[in-house]
Amino acid sequence: MSSSSSRSGSQSASSSGNSSTISIPATAAAGSLTITQPPTTVTSFYKIASNEMVTFGWNFTDVLVTPTHLTVSAQCDNGNTYPVGPASDGIIDGSATQVVWDVYSYQKSHSDNPLPQATCTLLICDERGLGASRRGGYMNPNSQATFAFYTPQSYTPISSGWSCAICSNGFSSYIAQPTIITIVATTLVVFLSGFQLLRNAFRTT
């Protein structure tokens, strides 16, 4: 994009994707992108499973120059960065306000570099890249949203031999503790003795 200072203290820039020119006031604030989905106040968890689509949404504020394109990616705790959306490079139209990601299909076709069960940061930038400096009327890169992936365990029916290891181990540990058995037995004896005393007292009255 070309820009030049005018005598009125404003800048002119060619609008992306067409030949029109937009005048940018010298006092124009840097444009921003605000995430609307998911919430940025908490970490959202997304399941990697068939037919489970992940949608990221946003809106623009003070963006006077429409980006040529947006690049959406996920930077995860394992040190890798993954393209978000249907394109292999994460590039979508510059005026888009959401992207839908089929994470299950991505996982199936990228077995050499699968999505991790880890926390990731959503990165969105225009054609100037993530390191673009703040500039009036132009979109500033965004990294506000964090999210995480998880893979559900497959269902195993009881008939196939499933057993609750925690349940059985927990019960056997109680049985193996003679102290616990003694306490339970003593409590039971005290309760029954007290009940018998009360019963006899009522009979005498």
C-alpha atoms as a PDB file:
ATOM      1  CA  MET A   1       0.000   0.000   0.000  1.00  0.00           C
ATOM      2  CA  SER A   2       1.234   3.516  -0.785  1.00  0.00           C
ATOM      3  CA  SER A   3       0.632   6.483   1.453  1.00  0.00           C
ATOM      4  CA  SER A   4       1.606  10.123   1.275  1.00  0.00           C
ATOM      5  CA  SER A   5       1.183  13.147   3.504  1.00  0.00           C
ATOM      6  CA  SER A   6      -1.149  15.856   2.226  1.00  0.00           C
ATOM      7  CA  ARG A   7      -1.059  19.563   2.995  1.00  0.00           C
ATOM      8  CA  SER A   8      -4.122  19.207   5.200  1.00  0.00           C
ATOM      9  CA  GLY A   9      -2.245  16.938   7.581  1.00  0.00           C
ATOM     10  CA  SER A  10      -3.913  13.745   6.415  1.00  0.00           C
ATOM     11  CA  GLN A  11      -2.722  10.650   4.614  1.00  0.00           C
ATOM     12  CA  SER A  12      -4.144   8.939   1.577  1.00  0.00           C
ATOM     13  CA  ALA A  13      -4.053   5.193   1.102  1.00  0.00           C
ATOM     14  CA  SER A  14      -5.249   2.912  -1.622  1.00  0.00           C
ATOM     15  CA  SER A  15      -8.073   0.725  -0.362  1.00  0.00           C
ATOM     16  CA  SER A  16      -7.134  -2.941  -0.615  1.00  0.00           C
ATOM     17  CA  GLY A  17      -8.677  -4.872  -3.436  1.00  0.00           C
ATOM     18  CA  ASN A  18      -9.745  -1.824  -5.487  1.00  0.00           C
ATOM     19  CA  SER A  19      -8.422   1.396  -6.959  1.00  0.00           C
ATOM     20  CA  SER A  20     -10.251   3.784  -4.607  1.00  0.00           C
ATOM     21  CA  THR A  21      -8.294   6.069  -2.332  1.00  0.00           C
ATOM     22  CA  ILE A  22      -9.123   6.677   1.315  1.00  0.00           C
ATOM     23  CA  SER A  23      -8.086   9.808   3.147  1.00  0.00           C
ATOM     24  CA  ILE A  24      -6.767   9.083   6.635  1.00  0.00           C
ATOM     25  CA  PRO A  25      -6.794  12.043   9.067  1.00  0.00           C
ATOM     26  CA  ALA A  26      -3.525  12.672  10.871  1.00  0.00           C
ATOM     27  CA  THR A  27      -5.399  12.293  14.161  1.00  0.00           C
ATOM     28  CA  ALA A  28      -6.879   8.896  13.217  1.00  0.00           C
ATOM     29  CA  ALA A  29      -6.514   6.216  15.860  1.00  0.00           C
ATOM     30  CA  ALA A  30      -4.885   2.909  15.065  1.00  0.00           C
ATOM     31  CA  GLY A  31      -7.479   0.393  13.950  1.00  0.00           C
ATOM     32  CA  SER A  32      -8.206  -2.601  16.123  1.00  0.00           C
ATOM     33  CA  LEU A  33      -9.795  -6.016  15.921  1.00  0.00           C
ATOM     34  CA  THR A  34     -11.888  -7.155  18.889  1.00  0.00           C
ATOM     35  CA  ILE A  35     -12.571 -10.830  19.475  1.00  0.00           C
ATOM     36  CA  THR A  36     -16.285 -11.593  19.948  1.00  0.00           C
ATOM     37  CA  GLN A  37     -16.043 -15.388  19.964  1.00  0.00           C
ATOM     38  CA  PRO A  38     -14.785 -17.026  22.120  1.00  0.00           C
ATOM     39  CA  PRO A  39     -14.789 -14.845  25.275  1.00  0.00           C
ATOM     40  CA  THR A  40     -11.342 -13.433  25.963  1.00  0.00           C
ATOM     41  CA  THR A  41     -11.798 -13.397  29.750  1.00  0.00           C
ATOM     42  CA  VAL A  42     -11.486 -17.175  30.060  1.00  0.00           C
ATOM     43  CA  THR A  43      -9.779 -20.020  28.224  1.00  0.00           C
ATOM     44  CA  SER A  44     -12.240 -21.885  26.007  1.00  0.00           C
ATOM     45  CA  PHE A  45     -11.869 -25.630  25.480  1.00  0.00           C
ATOM     46  CA  TYR A  46     -12.556 -27.251  22.112  1.00  0.00           C
ATOM     47  CA  LYS A  47     -13.037 -30.937  21.479  1.00  0.00           C
ATOM     48  CA  ILE A  48     -11.147 -32.540  18.608  1.00  0.00           C
ATOM     49  CA  ALA A  49     -13.867 -34.808  17.247  1.00  0.00           C
ATOM     50  CA  SER A  50     -15.870 -35.439  14.100  1.00  0.00           C
ATOM     51  CA  ASN A  51     -18.372 -32.670  13.230  1.00  0.00           C
ATOM     52  CA  GLU A  52     -17.018 -30.424  15.996  1.00  0.00           C
ATOM     53  CA  MET A  53     -16.366 -27.090  14.288  1.00  0.00           C
ATOM     54  CA  VAL A  54     -14.466 -24.279  15.985  1.00  0.00           C
ATOM     55  CA  THR A  55     -15.635 -20.749  15.194  1.00  0.00           C
ATOM     56  CA  PHE A  56     -13.675 -17.590  15.927  1.00  0.00           C
ATOM     57  CA  GLY A  57     -15.427 -14.236  15.474  1.00  0.00           C
ATOM     58  CA  TRP A  58     -14.411 -10.579  15.664  1.00  0.00           C
ATOM     59  CA  ASN A  59     -15.290  -7.047  14.642  1.00  0.00           C
ATOM     60  CA  PHE A  60     -13.269  -4.041  13.533  1.00  0.00           C
ATOM     61  CA  THR A  61     -12.946  -0.627  15.159  1.00  0.00           C
ATOM     62  CA  ASP A  62     -11.358   2.445  13.545  1.00  0.00           C
ATOM     63  CA  VAL A  63     -10.099   0.394  10.593  1.00  0.00           C
ATOM     64  CA  LEU A  64     -10.241   2.817   7.671  1.00  0.00           C
ATOM     65  CA  VAL A  65      -8.090   0.770   5.297  1.00  0.00           C
ATOM     66  CA  THR A  66      -9.584  -2.659   4.670  1.00  0.00           C
ATOM     67  CA  PRO A  67      -6.819  -5.293   4.818  1.00  0.00           C
ATOM     68  CA  THR A  68      -5.909  -7.114   1.627  1.00  0.00           C
ATOM     69  CA  HIS A  69      -6.206 -10.309   3.636  1.00  0.00           C
ATOM     70  CA  LEU A  70      -6.056 -11.613   7.187  1.00  0.00           C
ATOM     71  CA  THR A  71      -3.809 -14.366   8.461  1.00  0.00           C
ATOM     72  CA  VAL A  72      -5.254 -16.392  11.337  1.00  0.00           C
ATOM     73  CA  SER A  73      -3.096 -18.837  13.269  1.00  0.00           C
ATOM     74  CA  ALA A  74      -2.848 -20.626  16.606  1.00  0.00           C
ATOM     75  CA  GLN A  75       0.380 -20.444  18.575  1.00  0.00           C
ATOM     76  CA  CYS A  76       0.419 -23.307  21.076  1.00  0.00           C
ATOM     77  CA  ASP A  77       2.372 -24.159  24.203  1.00  0.00           C
ATOM     78  CA  ASN A  78       4.260 -26.922  22.391  1.00  0.00           C
ATOM     79  CA  GLY A  79       6.106 -24.243  20.417  1.00  0.00           C
ATOM     80  CA  ASN A  80       4.302 -24.830  17.119  1.00  0.00           C
ATOM     81  CA  THR A  81       2.044 -22.486  15.177  1.00  0.00           C
ATOM     82  CA  TYR A  82      -0.910 -23.864  13.212  1.00  0.00           C
ATOM     83  CA  PRO A  83      -2.933 -22.237  10.398  1.00  0.00           C
ATOM     84  CA  VAL A  84      -6.555 -21.641  11.390  1.00  0.00           C
ATOM     85  CA  GLY A  85      -9.422 -22.098   8.957  1.00  0.00           C
ATOM     86  CA  PRO A  86      -9.997 -23.876   5.652  1.00  0.00           C
ATOM     87  CA  ALA A  87      -6.841 -22.594   3.926  1.00  0.00           C
ATOM     88  CA  SER A  88      -3.523 -24.349   4.443  1.00  0.00           C
ATOM     89  CA  ASP A  89      -1.814 -21.024   5.165  1.00  0.00           C
ATOM     90  CA  GLY A  90      -4.532 -19.534   7.401  1.00  0.00           C
ATOM     91  CA  ILE A  91      -5.225 -16.696   4.957  1.00  0.00           C
ATOM     92  CA  ILE A  92      -8.811 -15.433   4.614  1.00  0.00           C
ATOM     93  CA  ASP A  93     -10.514 -12.403   3.062  1.00  0.00           C
ATOM     94  CA  GLY A  94      -9.535  -9.072   4.584  1.00  0.00           C
ATOM     95  CA  SER A  95     -13.129  -8.088   5.345  1.00  0.00           C
ATOM     96  CA  ALA A  96     -14.062 -11.391   7.027  1.00  0.00           C
ATOM     97  CA  THR A  97     -15.427 -11.223  10.571  1.00  0.00           C
ATOM     98  CA  GLN A  98     -15.201 -14.910  11.426  1.00  0.00           C
ATOM     99  CA  VAL A  99     -13.461 -18.124  10.486  1.00  0.00           C
ATOM    100  CA  VAL A 100     -14.671 -21.704  10.944  1.00  0.00           C
ATOM    101  CA  TRP A 101     -12.062 -24.373  11.585  1.00  0.00           C
ATOM    102  CA  ASP A 102     -12.647 -28.098  11.113  1.00  0.00           C
ATOM    103  CA  VAL A 103     -10.055 -29.232  13.644  1.00  0.00           C
ATOM    104  CA  TYR A 104     -10.913 -32.913  13.255  1.00  0.00           C
ATOM    105  CA  SER A 105     -10.226 -32.865   9.505  1.00  0.00           C
ATOM    106  CA  TYR A 106      -7.047 -30.912  10.136  1.00  0.00           C
ATOM    107  CA  GLN A 107      -5.942 -33.492  12.671  1.00  0.00           C
ATOM    108  CA  LYS A 108      -6.614 -36.377  10.283  1.00  0.00           C
ATOM    109  CA  SER A 109      -4.633 -34.800   7.455  1.00  0.00           C
ATOM    110  CA  HIS A 110      -1.707 -33.605   9.585  1.00  0.00           C
ATOM    111  CA  SER A 111      -0.707 -36.694  11.528  1.00  0.00           C
ATOM    112  CA  ASP A 112       2.929 -35.597  11.263  1.00  0.00           C
ATOM    113  CA  ASN A 113       2.190 -32.400  13.193  1.00  0.00           C
ATOM    114  CA  PRO A 114      -1.101 -32.909  15.070  1.00  0.00           C
ATOM    115  CA  LEU A 115      -2.866 -30.306  17.153  1.00  0.00           C
ATOM    116  CA  PRO A 116      -1.711 -30.582  20.777  1.00  0.00           C
ATOM    117  CA  GLN A 117      -3.815 -31.015  23.876  1.00  0.00           C
ATOM    118  CA  ALA A 118      -2.488 -27.714  25.141  1.00  0.00           C
ATOM    119  CA  THR A 119      -3.270 -24.033  25.507  1.00  0.00           C
ATOM    120  CA  CYS A 120      -3.017 -21.896  22.368  1.00  0.00           C
ATOM    121  CA  THR A 121      -3.157 -18.187  21.547  1.00  0.00           C
ATOM    122  CA  LEU A 122      -5.196 -16.974  18.580  1.00  0.00           C
ATOM    123  CA  LEU A 123      -3.166 -14.660  16.339  1.00  0.00           C
ATOM    124  CA  ILE A 124      -4.772 -12.417  13.702  1.00  0.00           C
ATOM    125  CA  CYS A 125      -2.910  -9.927  11.534  1.00  0.00           C
ATOM    126  CA  ASP A 126      -3.268  -8.177   8.204  1.00  0.00           C
ATOM    127  CA  GLU A 127      -0.880  -8.445   5.249  1.00  0.00           C
ATOM    128  CA  ARG A 128       1.718  -6.389   7.171  1.00  0.00           C
ATOM    129  CA  GLY A 129       2.315  -9.266   9.573  1.00  0.00           C
ATOM    130  CA  LEU A 130       2.279  -9.736  13.343  1.00  0.00           C
ATOM    131  CA  GLY A 131       5.106  -7.260  13.842  1.00  0.00           C
ATOM    132  CA  ALA A 132       3.315  -4.377  12.146  1.00  0.00           C
ATOM    133  CA  SER A 133       3.594  -1.077  14.001  1.00  0.00           C
ATOM    134  CA  ARG A 134       0.552   0.899  15.119  1.00  0.00           C
ATOM    135  CA  ARG A 135      -0.692   3.165  12.365  1.00  0.00           C
ATOM    136  CA  GLY A 136      -3.748   5.359  12.120  1.00  0.00           C
ATOM    137  CA  GLY A 137      -6.558   3.702  10.195  1.00  0.00           C
ATOM    138  CA  TYR A 138      -4.779   0.361   9.829  1.00  0.00           C
ATOM    139  CA  MET A 139      -5.638  -2.788  11.754  1.00  0.00           C
ATOM    140  CA  ASN A 140      -3.399  -3.617  14.665  1.00  0.00           C
ATOM    141  CA  PRO A 141      -2.474  -7.328  15.149  1.00  0.00           C
ATOM    142  CA  ASN A 142      -4.523  -9.163  17.795  1.00  0.00           C
ATOM    143  CA  SER A 143      -3.549 -11.885  20.264  1.00  0.00           C
ATOM    144  CA  GLN A 144      -6.276 -11.508  22.906  1.00  0.00           C
ATOM    145  CA  ALA A 145      -7.937 -14.928  22.835  1.00  0.00           C
ATOM    146  CA  THR A 146      -6.612 -18.129  24.364  1.00  0.00           C
ATOM    147  CA  PHE A 147      -8.112 -21.575  23.980  1.00  0.00           C
ATOM    148  CA  ALA A 148      -7.217 -25.222  24.404  1.00  0.00           C
ATOM    149  CA  PHE A 149      -7.848 -28.527  22.670  1.00  0.00           C
ATOM    150  CA  TYR A 150      -8.740 -31.868  24.180  1.00  0.00           C
ATOM    151  CA  THR A 151      -9.376 -35.302  22.714  1.00  0.00           C
ATOM    152  CA  PRO A 152     -12.198 -37.338  24.318  1.00  0.00           C
ATOM    153  CA  GLN A 153     -11.485 -40.945  25.233  1.00  0.00           C
ATOM    154  CA  SER A 154     -13.335 -43.560  23.223  1.00  0.00           C
ATOM    155  CA  TYR A 155     -16.292 -45.306  24.880  1.00  0.00           C
ATOM    156  CA  THR A 156     -15.584 -48.771  26.263  1.00  0.00           C
ATOM    157  CA  PRO A 157     -18.642 -50.886  27.198  1.00  0.00           C
ATOM    158  CA  ILE A 158     -18.607 -52.912  30.434  1.00  0.00           C
ATOM    159  CA  SER A 159     -19.245 -56.083  28.433  1.00  0.00           C
ATOM    160  CA  SER A 160     -15.851 -55.698  26.776  1.00  0.00           C
ATOM    161  CA  GLY A 161     -14.060 -55.981  30.089  1.00  0.00           C
ATOM    162  CA  TRP A 162     -14.073 -52.401  31.386  1.00  0.00           C
ATOM    163  CA  SER A 163     -13.680 -51.994  35.124  1.00  0.00           C
ATOM    164  CA  CYS A 164     -13.418 -49.016  37.433  1.00  0.00           C
ATOM    165  CA  ALA A 165      -9.844 -49.235  38.630  1.00  0.00           C
ATOM    166  CA  ILE A 166     -10.257 -46.358  41.058  1.00  0.00           C
ATOM    167  CA  CYS A 167     -13.433 -47.828  42.553  1.00  0.00           C
ATOM    168  CA  SER A 168     -12.083 -51.339  43.060  1.00  0.00           C
ATOM    169  CA  ASN A 169      -8.721 -50.143  44.326  1.00  0.00           C
ATOM    170  CA  GLY A 170     -10.375 -47.748  46.721  1.00  0.00           C
ATOM    171  CA  PHE A 171     -12.621 -50.421  48.214  1.00  0.00           C
ATOM    172  CA  SER A 172      -9.821 -52.958  48.549  1.00  0.00           C
ATOM    173  CA  SER A 173      -7.633 -50.380  50.282  1.00  0.00           C
ATOM    174  CA  TYR A 174     -10.312 -49.931  52.951  1.00  0.00           C
ATOM    175  CA  ILE A 175     -10.633 -53.687  53.401  1.00  0.00           C
ATOM    176  CA  ALA A 176      -6.880 -54.021  53.756  1.00  0.00           C
ATOM    177  CA  GLN A 177      -6.754 -51.530  56.650  1.00  0.00           C
ATOM    178  CA  PRO A 178      -7.457 -53.332  59.980  1.00  0.00           C
ATOM    179  CA  THR A 179      -7.578 -50.011  61.839  1.00  0.00           C
ATOM    180  CA  ILE A 180     -10.537 -48.851  59.788  1.00  0.00           C
ATOM    181  CA  ILE A 181     -12.347 -52.143  60.368  1.00  0.00           C
ATOM    182  CA  THR A 182     -11.763 -51.827  64.130  1.00  0.00           C
ATOM    183  CA  ILE A 183     -13.126 -48.276  64.219  1.00  0.00           C
ATOM    184  CA  VAL A 184     -16.230 -49.254  62.278  1.00  0.00           C
ATOM    185  CA  ALA A 185     -16.856 -52.260  64.531  1.00  0.00           C
ATOM    186  CA  THR A 186     -16.371 -50.213  67.718  1.00  0.00           C
ATOM    187  CA  THR A 187     -18.754 -47.514  66.498  1.00  0.00           C
ATOM    188  CA  LEU A 188     -21.368 -50.124  65.694  1.00  0.00           C
ATOM    189  CA  VAL A 189     -21.063 -51.751  69.140  1.00  0.00           C
ATOM    190  CA  VAL A 190     -21.361 -48.391  70.927  1.00  0.00           C
ATOM    191  CA  PHE A 191     -24.428 -47.489  68.880  1.00  0.00           C
ATOM    192  CA  LEU A 192     -26.169 -50.793  69.556  1.00  0.00           C
ATOM    193  CA  SER A 193     -25.298 -50.672  73.265  1.00  0.00           C
ATOM    194  CA  GLY A 194     -26.721 -47.173  73.601  1.00  0.00           C
ATOM    195  CA  PHE A 195     -29.863 -48.188  71.774  1.00  0.00           C
ATOM    196  CA  GLN A 196     -30.330 -51.160  74.122  1.00  0.00           C
ATOM    197  CA  LEU A 197     -29.879 -48.952  77.212  1.00  0.00           C
ATOM    198  CA  LEU A 198     -32.511 -46.503  75.979  1.00  0.00           C
ATOM    199  CA  ARG A 199     -34.884 -49.353  75.246  1.00  0.00           C
ATOM    200  CA  ASN A 200     -34.487 -50.774  78.759  1.00  0.00           C
ATOM    201  CA  ALA A 201     -34.993 -47.324  80.295  1.00  0.00           C
ATOM    202  CA  PHE A 202     -38.305 -46.880  78.506  1.00  0.00           C
ATOM    203  CA  ARG A 203     -39.456 -50.307  79.692  1.00  0.00           C
ATOM    204  CA  THR A 204     -38.752 -49.513  83.347  1.00  0.00           C
ATOM    205  CA  THR A 205     -40.766 -46.317  83.102  1.00  0.00           C
END
